[in-house]
C-alpha atoms as a PDB file:
ATOM      1  CA  UNK A   1       0.000   0.000   0.000  1.00  0.00           C
ATOM      2  CA  UNK A   2       2.775   2.469   0.883  1.00  0.00           C
ATOM      3  CA  UNK A   3       4.627   1.856  -2.373  1.00  0.00           C
ATOM      4  CA  UNK A   4       1.410   2.426  -4.320  1.00  0.00           C
ATOM      5  CA  UNK A   5       0.911   5.717  -2.455  1.00  0.00           C
ATOM      6  CA  UNK A   6       4.468   6.745  -3.348  1.00  0.00           C
ATOM      7  CA  UNK A   7       3.897   5.784  -6.987  1.00  0.00           C
ATOM      8  CA  UNK A   8       0.592   7.674  -7.156  1.00  0.00           C
ATOM      9  CA  UNK A   9       2.105  10.874  -5.732  1.00  0.00           C
ATOM     10  CA  UNK A  10       4.955  10.863  -8.269  1.00  0.00           C
ATOM     11  CA  UNK A  11       2.612   9.910 -11.134  1.00  0.00           C
ATOM     12  CA  UNK A  12       0.261  12.794 -10.349  1.00  0.00           C
ATOM     13  CA  UNK A  13       2.956  15.400  -9.693  1.00  0.00           C
ATOM     14  CA  UNK A  14       5.458  14.183 -12.351  1.00  0.00           C
ATOM     15  CA  UNK A  15       8.031  15.774 -10.093  1.00  0.00           C
ATOM     16  CA  UNK A  16       9.899  13.908  -7.344  1.00  0.00           C
ATOM     17  CA  UNK A  17      10.483  17.040  -5.245  1.00  0.00           C
ATOM     18  CA  UNK A  18       6.795  18.047  -5.308  1.00  0.00           C
ATOM     19  CA  UNK A  19       5.721  14.449  -4.613  1.00  0.00           C
ATOM     20  CA  UNK A  20       8.122  14.197  -1.660  1.00  0.00           C
ATOM     21  CA  UNK A  21       6.731  17.444  -0.250  1.00  0.00           C
ATOM     22  CA  UNK A  22       3.185  16.100  -0.602  1.00  0.00           C
ATOM     23  CA  UNK A  23       4.220  12.899   1.198  1.00  0.00           C
ATOM     24  CA  UNK A  24       6.144  14.783   3.921  1.00  0.00           C
ATOM     25  CA  UNK A  25       9.386  12.955   3.180  1.00  0.00           C
ATOM     26  CA  UNK A  26      12.768  13.615   1.555  1.00  0.00           C
ATOM     27  CA  UNK A  27      13.299  13.157  -2.175  1.00  0.00           C
ATOM     28  CA  UNK A  28      16.076  10.569  -1.908  1.00  0.00           C
ATOM     29  CA  UNK A  29      14.125   7.895   0.035  1.00  0.00           C
ATOM     30  CA  UNK A  30      11.128   8.479  -2.243  1.00  0.00           C
ATOM     31  CA  UNK A  31      13.293   7.765  -5.298  1.00  0.00           C
ATOM     32  CA  UNK A  32      14.541   4.595  -3.607  1.00  0.00           C
ATOM     33  CA  UNK A  33      10.973   3.440  -2.846  1.00  0.00           C
ATOM     34  CA  UNK A  34      10.038   3.906  -6.510  1.00  0.00           C
ATOM     35  CA  UNK A  35      13.092   1.890  -7.564  1.00  0.00           C
ATOM     36  CA  UNK A  36      12.069  -0.828  -5.073  1.00  0.00           C
ATOM     37  CA  UNK A  37       8.578  -0.935  -6.597  1.00  0.00           C
ATOM     38  CA  UNK A  38       9.988  -1.103 -10.127  1.00  0.00           C
ATOM     39  CA  UNK A  39      12.243  -3.968  -9.064  1.00  0.00           C
ATOM     40  CA  UNK A  40       9.338  -5.805  -7.422  1.00  0.00           C
ATOM     41  CA  UNK A  41       7.146  -5.444 -10.512  1.00  0.00           C
ATOM     42  CA  UNK A  42       9.951  -6.041 -12.979  1.00  0.00           C
ATOM     43  CA  UNK A  43       8.860  -2.945 -14.910  1.00  0.00           C
ATOM     44  CA  UNK A  44      10.238   0.576 -15.288  1.00  0.00           C
ATOM     45  CA  UNK A  45       7.409   2.940 -14.294  1.00  0.00           C
ATOM     46  CA  UNK A  46       8.992   6.332 -15.007  1.00  0.00           C
ATOM     47  CA  UNK A  47      11.343   7.832 -17.559  1.00  0.00           C
ATOM     48  CA  UNK A  48      13.336  10.483 -15.760  1.00  0.00           C
ATOM     49  CA  UNK A  49      16.109  12.857 -16.667  1.00  0.00           C
ATOM     50  CA  UNK A  50      17.465  16.056 -15.153  1.00  0.00           C
ATOM     51  CA  UNK A  51      14.438  18.157 -16.105  1.00  0.00           C
ATOM     52  CA  UNK A  52      11.479  15.855 -16.761  1.00  0.00           C
ATOM     53  CA  UNK A  53       9.601  12.891 -15.306  1.00  0.00           C
ATOM     54  CA  UNK A  54       7.144  10.964 -17.501  1.00  0.00           C
ATOM     55  CA  UNK A  55       5.203   7.742 -17.122  1.00  0.00           C
ATOM     56  CA  UNK A  56       6.245   4.721 -19.145  1.00  0.00           C
ATOM     57  CA  UNK A  57       3.603   2.487 -20.713  1.00  0.00           C
ATOM     58  CA  UNK A  58       3.790   0.263 -17.633  1.00  0.00           C
ATOM     59  CA  UNK A  59       3.340   3.338 -15.426  1.00  0.00           C
ATOM     60  CA  UNK A  60       0.314   4.493 -17.432  1.00  0.00           C
ATOM     61  CA  UNK A  61      -1.199   1.020 -17.009  1.00  0.00           C
ATOM     62  CA  UNK A  62      -0.528   0.912 -13.275  1.00  0.00           C
ATOM     63  CA  UNK A  63      -1.935   4.393 -12.563  1.00  0.00           C
ATOM     64  CA  UNK A  64      -5.705   3.608 -12.719  1.00  0.00           C
ATOM     65  CA  UNK A  65      -5.108   0.273 -10.948  1.00  0.00           C
ATOM     66  CA  UNK A  66      -3.272   2.003  -8.097  1.00  0.00           C
ATOM     67  CA  UNK A  67      -5.968   4.643  -7.776  1.00  0.00           C
ATOM     68  CA  UNK A  68      -8.689   2.002  -7.625  1.00  0.00           C
ATOM     69  CA  UNK A  69      -6.866  -0.090  -5.016  1.00  0.00           C
ATOM     70  CA  UNK A  70      -6.094   2.913  -2.810  1.00  0.00           C
ATOM     71  CA  UNK A  71      -9.618   4.305  -3.139  1.00  0.00           C
ATOM     72  CA  UNK A  72     -10.984   0.976  -1.922  1.00  0.00           C
ATOM     73  CA  UNK A  73      -8.557   0.855   1.004  1.00  0.00           C
ATOM     74  CA  UNK A  74      -9.173   4.498   1.932  1.00  0.00           C
ATOM     75  CA  UNK A  75     -12.933   3.958   1.927  1.00  0.00           C
ATOM     76  CA  UNK A  76     -12.826   1.154   4.516  1.00  0.00           C
ATOM     77  CA  UNK A  77     -12.993   3.409   7.648  1.00  0.00           C
ATOM     78  CA  UNK A  78     -15.902   5.567   6.502  1.00  0.00           C
ATOM     79  CA  UNK A  79     -17.799   2.610   5.036  1.00  0.00           C
ATOM     80  CA  UNK A  80     -17.519   0.828   8.377  1.00  0.00           C
ATOM     81  CA  UNK A  81     -18.618   3.966  10.219  1.00  0.00           C
ATOM     82  CA  UNK A  82     -21.544   4.371   7.839  1.00  0.00           C
ATOM     83  CA  UNK A  83     -22.621   0.743   8.368  1.00  0.00           C
ATOM     84  CA  UNK A  84     -22.164   0.556  12.136  1.00  0.00           C
ATOM     85  CA  UNK A  85     -22.346   4.117  13.470  1.00  0.00           C
ATOM     86  CA  UNK A  86     -25.325   6.081  14.789  1.00  0.00           C
ATOM     87  CA  UNK A  87     -27.553   8.103  12.463  1.00  0.00           C
ATOM     88  CA  UNK A  88     -26.143  11.402  13.713  1.00  0.00           C
ATOM     89  CA  UNK A  89     -22.424  11.308  14.334  1.00  0.00           C
ATOM     90  CA  UNK A  90     -19.407  13.555  14.214  1.00  0.00           C
ATOM     91  CA  UNK A  91     -17.515  14.506  11.072  1.00  0.00           C
ATOM     92  CA  UNK A  92     -14.479  16.714  10.643  1.00  0.00           C
ATOM     93  CA  UNK A  93     -13.899  19.657   8.309  1.00  0.00           C
ATOM     94  CA  UNK A  94     -10.274  20.585   7.594  1.00  0.00           C
ATOM     95  CA  UNK A  95      -9.275  24.224   8.077  1.00  0.00           C
ATOM     96  CA  UNK A  96      -5.940  25.474   6.679  1.00  0.00           C
ATOM     97  CA  UNK A  97      -4.171  28.386   8.315  1.00  0.00           C
ATOM     98  CA  UNK A  98      -5.242  31.927   7.536  1.00  0.00           C
ATOM     99  CA  UNK A  99      -8.902  31.368   6.606  1.00  0.00           C
ATOM    100  CA  UNK A 100     -10.436  34.775   5.802  1.00  0.00           C
ATOM    101  CA  UNK A 101     -13.099  35.962   8.283  1.00  0.00           C
ATOM    102  CA  UNK A 102     -15.735  36.117   5.517  1.00  0.00           C
ATOM    103  CA  UNK A 103     -15.054  32.512   4.579  1.00  0.00           C
ATOM    104  CA  UNK A 104     -15.118  31.481   8.232  1.00  0.00           C
ATOM    105  CA  UNK A 105     -18.609  33.013   8.461  1.00  0.00           C
ATOM    106  CA  UNK A 106     -19.756  30.836   5.545  1.00  0.00           C
ATOM    107  CA  UNK A 107     -18.251  27.776   7.248  1.00  0.00           C
ATOM    108  CA  UNK A 108     -20.245  28.626  10.381  1.00  0.00           C
ATOM    109  CA  UNK A 109     -23.373  28.765   8.219  1.00  0.00           C
ATOM    110  CA  UNK A 110     -22.600  25.324   6.815  1.00  0.00           C
ATOM    111  CA  UNK A 111     -22.070  23.917  10.319  1.00  0.00           C
ATOM    112  CA  UNK A 112     -25.459  25.258  11.401  1.00  0.00           C
ATOM    113  CA  UNK A 113     -27.240  24.031   8.266  1.00  0.00           C
ATOM    114  CA  UNK A 114     -26.043  20.430   8.725  1.00  0.00           C
ATOM    115  CA  UNK A 115     -26.417  20.313  12.520  1.00  0.00           C
ATOM    116  CA  UNK A 116     -29.517  18.090  12.446  1.00  0.00           C
ATOM    117  CA  UNK A 117     -27.635  15.535  10.320  1.00  0.00           C
ATOM    118  CA  UNK A 118     -24.117  15.651  11.725  1.00  0.00           C
ATOM    119  CA  UNK A 119     -21.912  17.467  14.210  1.00  0.00           C
ATOM    120  CA  UNK A 120     -19.334  19.043  11.872  1.00  0.00           C
ATOM    121  CA  UNK A 121     -16.165  19.921  13.783  1.00  0.00           C
ATOM    122  CA  UNK A 122     -13.142  21.841  12.487  1.00  0.00           C
ATOM    123  CA  UNK A 123      -9.664  20.288  12.220  1.00  0.00           C
ATOM    124  CA  UNK A 124      -6.539  22.442  11.557  1.00  0.00           C
ATOM    125  CA  UNK A 125      -3.612  21.662   9.279  1.00  0.00           C
ATOM    126  CA  UNK A 126      -1.686  22.592   6.143  1.00  0.00           C
ATOM    127  CA  UNK A 127      -3.394  21.932   2.810  1.00  0.00           C
ATOM    128  CA  UNK A 128      -1.269  18.896   1.855  1.00  0.00           C
ATOM    129  CA  UNK A 129      -1.927  17.129   5.177  1.00  0.00           C
ATOM    130  CA  UNK A 130      -5.642  17.974   5.073  1.00  0.00           C
ATOM    131  CA  UNK A 131      -5.974  16.598   1.531  1.00  0.00           C
ATOM    132  CA  UNK A 132      -4.238  13.387   2.615  1.00  0.00           C
ATOM    133  CA  UNK A 133      -6.669  13.099   5.536  1.00  0.00           C
ATOM    134  CA  UNK A 134      -9.636  13.432   3.155  1.00  0.00           C
ATOM    135  CA  UNK A 135      -8.190  10.693   0.927  1.00  0.00           C
ATOM    136  CA  UNK A 136      -7.776   8.441   3.966  1.00  0.00           C
ATOM    137  CA  UNK A 137     -11.289   9.083   5.268  1.00  0.00           C
ATOM    138  CA  UNK A 138     -10.109  10.840   8.435  1.00  0.00           C
ATOM    139  CA  UNK A 139     -11.765  14.100   7.333  1.00  0.00           C
ATOM    140  CA  UNK A 140     -15.139  14.313   5.621  1.00  0.00           C
ATOM    141  CA  UNK A 141     -14.293  17.574   3.825  1.00  0.00           C
ATOM    142  CA  UNK A 142     -11.609  20.212   3.905  1.00  0.00           C
ATOM    143  CA  UNK A 143     -10.994  23.757   2.834  1.00  0.00           C
ATOM    144  CA  UNK A 144      -7.856  23.671   0.707  1.00  0.00           C
ATOM    145  CA  UNK A 145      -5.673  26.155  -1.123  1.00  0.00           C
ATOM    146  CA  UNK A 146      -6.020  25.377  -4.819  1.00  0.00           C
ATOM    147  CA  UNK A 147      -4.920  23.885  -7.143  1.00  0.00           C
ATOM    148  CA  UNK A 148      -5.828  20.327  -6.092  1.00  0.00           C
ATOM    149  CA  UNK A 149      -5.529  17.846  -8.951  1.00  0.00           C
ATOM    150  CA  UNK A 150      -6.459  14.417  -7.564  1.00  0.00           C
ATOM    151  CA  UNK A 151      -9.189  12.845  -9.782  1.00  0.00           C
ATOM    152  CA  UNK A 152     -10.553  10.946  -6.768  1.00  0.00           C
ATOM    153  CA  UNK A 153     -11.504  14.272  -5.200  1.00  0.00           C
ATOM    154  CA  UNK A 154     -14.279  16.723  -6.001  1.00  0.00           C
ATOM    155  CA  UNK A 155     -13.937  20.420  -5.242  1.00  0.00           C
ATOM    156  CA  UNK A 156     -16.125  23.483  -4.996  1.00  0.00           C
ATOM    157  CA  UNK A 157     -14.533  26.968  -5.349  1.00  0.00           C
ATOM    158  CA  UNK A 158     -15.435  29.021  -2.280  1.00  0.00           C
ATOM    159  CA  UNK A 159     -13.129  32.066  -2.289  1.00  0.00           C
ATOM    160  CA  UNK A 160     -10.698  33.997  -4.495  1.00  0.00           C
ATOM    161  CA  UNK A 161      -8.287  36.471  -2.895  1.00  0.00           C
ATOM    162  CA  UNK A 162      -6.224  38.976  -4.864  1.00  0.00           C
ATOM    163  CA  UNK A 163      -2.497  39.090  -4.197  1.00  0.00           C
ATOM    164  CA  UNK A 164      -0.258  42.126  -4.166  1.00  0.00           C
ATOM    165  CA  UNK A 165       3.494  42.674  -4.230  1.00  0.00           C
ATOM    166  CA  UNK A 166       5.251  42.916  -0.865  1.00  0.00           C
ATOM    167  CA  UNK A 167       7.949  45.564  -1.319  1.00  0.00           C
ATOM    168  CA  UNK A 168      10.183  47.861   0.690  1.00  0.00           C
ATOM    169  CA  UNK A 169       8.120  50.710   2.138  1.00  0.00           C
ATOM    170  CA  UNK A 170      11.051  53.131   1.820  1.00  0.00           C
ATOM    171  CA  UNK A 171      11.831  52.267  -1.800  1.00  0.00           C
ATOM    172  CA  UNK A 172       8.155  52.596  -2.844  1.00  0.00           C
ATOM    173  CA  UNK A 173       7.179  55.435  -0.491  1.00  0.00           C
ATOM    174  CA  UNK A 174       4.075  57.348  -1.618  1.00  0.00           C
ATOM    175  CA  UNK A 175       3.074  54.687  -4.164  1.00  0.00           C
ATOM    176  CA  UNK A 176      -0.395  53.124  -4.337  1.00  0.00           C
ATOM    177  CA  UNK A 177       0.526  50.490  -6.944  1.00  0.00           C
ATOM    178  CA  UNK A 178       3.476  48.896  -8.729  1.00  0.00           C
ATOM    179  CA  UNK A 179       4.078  47.108 -12.038  1.00  0.00           C
ATOM    180  CA  UNK A 180       5.790  43.779 -12.507  1.00  0.00           C
ATOM    181  CA  UNK A 181       8.030  45.480 -15.039  1.00  0.00           C
ATOM    182  CA  UNK A 182       9.389  47.680 -12.235  1.00  0.00           C
ATOM    183  CA  UNK A 183      10.296  44.546 -10.283  1.00  0.00           C
ATOM    184  CA  UNK A 184      12.195  42.877 -13.153  1.00  0.00           C
ATOM    185  CA  UNK A 185      15.582  43.504 -11.505  1.00  0.00           C
ATOM    186  CA  UNK A 186      14.347  42.572  -8.035  1.00  0.00           C
ATOM    187  CA  UNK A 187      14.786  39.159  -6.405  1.00  0.00           C
ATOM    188  CA  UNK A 188      11.660  37.161  -5.621  1.00  0.00           C
ATOM    189  CA  UNK A 189      11.739  35.854  -2.030  1.00  0.00           C
ATOM    190  CA  UNK A 190       9.651  32.867  -0.973  1.00  0.00           C
ATOM    191  CA  UNK A 191       8.972  31.401   2.437  1.00  0.00           C
ATOM    192  CA  UNK A 192       9.799  27.735   3.180  1.00  0.00           C
ATOM    193  CA  UNK A 193       7.625  25.266   1.191  1.00  0.00           C
ATOM    194  CA  UNK A 194       6.000  23.938   4.355  1.00  0.00           C
ATOM    195  CA  UNK A 195       4.315  27.287   5.057  1.00  0.00           C
ATOM    196  CA  UNK A 196       3.397  28.152   1.451  1.00  0.00           C
ATOM    197  CA  UNK A 197       0.056  27.222  -0.155  1.00  0.00           C
ATOM    198  CA  UNK A 198       0.288  25.147  -3.394  1.00  0.00           C
ATOM    199  CA  UNK A 199      -0.627  28.152  -5.578  1.00  0.00           C
ATOM    200  CA  UNK A 200       2.753  29.730  -4.909  1.00  0.00           C
ATOM    201  CA  UNK A 201       4.412  27.004  -7.012  1.00  0.00           C
ATOM    202  CA  UNK A 202       2.175  28.117  -9.895  1.00  0.00           C
ATOM    203  CA  UNK A 203       2.952  31.762  -9.122  1.00  0.00           C
ATOM    204  CA  UNK A 204       6.699  31.169  -9.330  1.00  0.00           C
ATOM    205  CA  UNK A 205       6.349  29.611 -12.789  1.00  0.00           C
ATOM    206  CA  UNK A 206       4.209  32.545 -13.946  1.00  0.00           C
ATOM    207  CA  UNK A 207       6.794  35.008 -12.643  1.00  0.00           C
ATOM    208  CA  UNK A 208       9.573  33.146 -14.457  1.00  0.00           C
ATOM    209  CA  UNK A 209       7.574  33.363 -17.677  1.00  0.00           C
ATOM    210  CA  UNK A 210       7.331  37.120 -17.134  1.00  0.00           C
ATOM    211  CA  UNK A 211      11.089  37.505 -16.708  1.00  0.00           C
ATOM    212  CA  UNK A 212      11.434  37.395 -12.900  1.00  0.00           C
ATOM    213  CA  UNK A 213      14.224  34.849 -12.600  1.00  0.00           C
ATOM    214  CA  UNK A 214      16.262  35.805  -9.523  1.00  0.00           C
ATOM    215  CA  UNK A 215      15.183  33.778  -6.475  1.00  0.00           C
ATOM    216  CA  UNK A 216      15.798  33.504  -2.748  1.00  0.00           C
ATOM    217  CA  UNK A 217      14.244  30.509  -0.990  1.00  0.00           C
ATOM    218  CA  UNK A 218      14.326  30.832   2.782  1.00  0.00           C
ATOM    219  CA  UNK A 219      14.300  28.002   5.307  1.00  0.00           C
ATOM    220  CA  UNK A 220      13.776  27.854   9.034  1.00  0.00           C
ATOM    221  CA  UNK A 221      11.612  30.972   9.139  1.00  0.00           C
ATOM    222  CA  UNK A 222       8.122  32.211   8.258  1.00  0.00           C
ATOM    223  CA  UNK A 223       6.547  35.263   6.600  1.00  0.00           C
ATOM    224  CA  UNK A 224       8.201  37.611   9.100  1.00  0.00           C
ATOM    225  CA  UNK A 225      11.604  36.403   7.905  1.00  0.00           C
ATOM    226  CA  UNK A 226      10.603  37.158   4.315  1.00  0.00           C
ATOM    227  CA  UNK A 227       9.659  40.671   5.422  1.00  0.00           C
ATOM    228  CA  UNK A 228      13.084  41.231   6.965  1.00  0.00           C
ATOM    229  CA  UNK A 229      14.794  40.346   3.677  1.00  0.00           C
ATOM    230  CA  UNK A 230      12.444  42.567   1.651  1.00  0.00           C
ATOM    231  CA  UNK A 231      12.820  45.554   3.950  1.00  0.00           C
ATOM    232  CA  UNK A 232      16.596  45.720   3.564  1.00  0.00           C
ATOM    233  CA  UNK A 233      17.235  44.789  -0.088  1.00  0.00           C
ATOM    234  CA  UNK A 234      15.933  44.897  -3.659  1.00  0.00           C
ATOM    235  CA  UNK A 235      13.585  41.980  -3.082  1.00  0.00           C
ATOM    236  CA  UNK A 236       9.840  41.374  -3.186  1.00  0.00           C
ATOM    237  CA  UNK A 237       7.240  38.713  -2.563  1.00  0.00           C
ATOM    238  CA  UNK A 238       3.459  38.292  -2.749  1.00  0.00           C
ATOM    239  CA  UNK A 239       0.748  38.372  -0.106  1.00  0.00           C
ATOM    240  CA  UNK A 240      -2.968  39.111   0.279  1.00  0.00           C
ATOM    241  CA  UNK A 241      -4.103  42.611  -0.608  1.00  0.00           C
ATOM    242  CA  UNK A 242      -7.098  42.507   1.719  1.00  0.00           C
ATOM    243  CA  UNK A 243      -5.960  43.859   5.084  1.00  0.00           C
ATOM    244  CA  UNK A 244      -8.556  41.670   6.828  1.00  0.00           C
ATOM    245  CA  UNK A 245      -6.848  38.499   5.631  1.00  0.00           C
ATOM    246  CA  UNK A 246      -5.070  36.578   8.414  1.00  0.00           C
ATOM    247  CA  UNK A 247      -2.579  35.417   5.766  1.00  0.00           C
ATOM    248  CA  UNK A 248      -1.287  38.928   5.293  1.00  0.00           C
ATOM    249  CA  UNK A 249       1.718  38.037   7.392  1.00  0.00           C
ATOM    250  CA  UNK A 250       4.062  40.865   6.394  1.00  0.00           C
ATOM    251  CA  UNK A 251       3.192  43.280   9.152  1.00  0.00           C
ATOM    252  CA  UNK A 252       6.431  45.112   9.874  1.00  0.00           C
ATOM    253  CA  UNK A 253       6.774  48.845   9.386  1.00  0.00           C
ATOM    254  CA  UNK A 254       9.436  48.583   6.699  1.00  0.00           C
ATOM    255  CA  UNK A 255       7.346  46.781   4.053  1.00  0.00           C
ATOM    256  CA  UNK A 256       4.080  47.460   2.252  1.00  0.00           C
ATOM    257  CA  UNK A 257       1.726  45.430   0.031  1.00  0.00           C
ATOM    258  CA  UNK A 258       0.787  47.125  -3.269  1.00  0.00           C
ATOM    259  CA  UNK A 259      -1.522  46.116  -6.144  1.00  0.00           C
ATOM    260  CA  UNK A 260       0.327  44.998  -9.298  1.00  0.00           C
ATOM    261  CA  UNK A 261      -1.324  46.715 -12.250  1.00  0.00           C
ATOM    262  CA  UNK A 262       0.154  44.579 -15.045  1.00  0.00           C
ATOM    263  CA  UNK A 263      -0.045  41.140 -13.410  1.00  0.00           C
ATOM    264  CA  UNK A 264      -3.116  39.422 -11.960  1.00  0.00           C
ATOM    265  CA  UNK A 265      -2.434  37.000  -9.120  1.00  0.00           C
ATOM    266  CA  UNK A 266      -5.193  35.361  -7.099  1.00  0.00           C
ATOM    267  CA  UNK A 267      -5.111  32.618  -4.493  1.00  0.00           C
ATOM    268  CA  UNK A 268      -8.213  30.444  -4.618  1.00  0.00           C
ATOM    269  CA  UNK A 269      -9.647  28.273  -1.870  1.00  0.00           C
ATOM    270  CA  UNK A 270     -11.938  25.311  -2.454  1.00  0.00           C
ATOM    271  CA  UNK A 271     -14.030  22.890  -0.449  1.00  0.00           C
ATOM    272  CA  UNK A 272     -12.759  19.375  -1.193  1.00  0.00           C
ATOM    273  CA  UNK A 273     -14.176  15.898  -0.555  1.00  0.00           C
ATOM    274  CA  UNK A 274     -13.769  12.317  -1.750  1.00  0.00           C
ATOM    275  CA  UNK A 275     -15.990  11.905  -4.813  1.00  0.00           C
ATOM    276  CA  UNK A 276     -17.287   8.443  -3.955  1.00  0.00           C
ATOM    277  CA  UNK A 277     -18.479   9.603  -0.533  1.00  0.00           C
ATOM    278  CA  UNK A 278     -20.821  12.121  -2.157  1.00  0.00           C
ATOM    279  CA  UNK A 279     -22.056  10.019  -5.076  1.00  0.00           C
ATOM    280  CA  UNK A 280     -24.622   8.036  -3.107  1.00  0.00           C
ATOM    281  CA  UNK A 281     -22.356   7.882  -0.027  1.00  0.00           C
ATOM    282  CA  UNK A 282     -22.530   9.332   3.461  1.00  0.00           C
ATOM    283  CA  UNK A 283     -21.716  12.898   2.318  1.00  0.00           C
ATOM    284  CA  UNK A 284     -24.511  13.200  -0.254  1.00  0.00           C
ATOM    285  CA  UNK A 285     -26.711  15.520   1.836  1.00  0.00           C
ATOM    286  CA  UNK A 286     -23.777  17.447   3.336  1.00  0.00           C
ATOM    287  CA  UNK A 287     -22.296  18.257  -0.075  1.00  0.00           C
ATOM    288  CA  UNK A 288     -25.717  19.304  -1.415  1.00  0.00           C
ATOM    289  CA  UNK A 289     -26.057  21.789   1.447  1.00  0.00           C
ATOM    290  CA  UNK A 290     -22.469  22.994   0.953  1.00  0.00           C
ATOM    291  CA  UNK A 291     -23.239  23.725  -2.717  1.00  0.00           C
ATOM    292  CA  UNK A 292     -26.098  25.957  -1.550  1.00  0.00           C
ATOM    293  CA  UNK A 293     -24.034  27.746   1.120  1.00  0.00           C
ATOM    294  CA  UNK A 294     -21.127  28.384  -1.275  1.00  0.00           C
ATOM    295  CA  UNK A 295     -23.203  28.926  -4.413  1.00  0.00           C
ATOM    296  CA  UNK A 296     -21.508  32.300  -4.899  1.00  0.00           C
ATOM    297  CA  UNK A 297     -17.749  32.207  -4.193  1.00  0.00           C
ATOM    298  CA  UNK A 298     -16.390  35.063  -2.095  1.00  0.00           C
ATOM    299  CA  UNK A 299     -14.127  37.457  -4.013  1.00  0.00           C
ATOM    300  CA  UNK A 300     -11.742  39.782  -2.160  1.00  0.00           C
END
């Protein structure tokens, strides 16, 4: 089962580093586990070189089989609970860090709307861990920072938040906006991967396409550490424009967050659940109510 989980992560990410991050492990042991699986099966599953990872024909064949096997295994806990548990039980809703107050209000509405059916309790975590918990049946649903690309999961967009450039307050004093062109010679600074939502991987690729190629990747710190670097050098990053957002973590006097007039960046949040639990499963009614509560995504 573990080797199939490793294979599935690499097959879906087509990137060993991203797959290792999703699995909360180092890249080297993940590569060894894939080699062990290939040896056990007597088939090469991936073609890999310095820049690309692709599935071989054997890998393409194994992918739907692995998904089916893991879906069946993951469904065992909730199927047992559904068969043996009381009519009204407790379910858990994942909550990533920095949920906007407006979105939290909608979540409270959902909790109240489903109260007669289930006691829906919140469970904190980072998006990758919350998604894993949904796959494993430990969480019924989760809020997650998009994108989420697992075909076993369904998702409902619930919020889109505009991002702005975090820049030195002294260097951009008196400004109410900035252009990406002005930042072309600046260095993009990112927080450690474990504190960044998945969208920031997409953002970095978009910035590279627009000519922002200089990078600093910090470790052992958080958003405040990013702020310190930005305040004292020709560097920048991205954060929420809405001052009410708890994720606007760059709150030192020496930096400011400005709209970028020639580059649109938004971080989206979705409500995510295991598809088979809603298609005639124990989440059918809950998901139907969630679709009503979040019929209009919040835009900030």
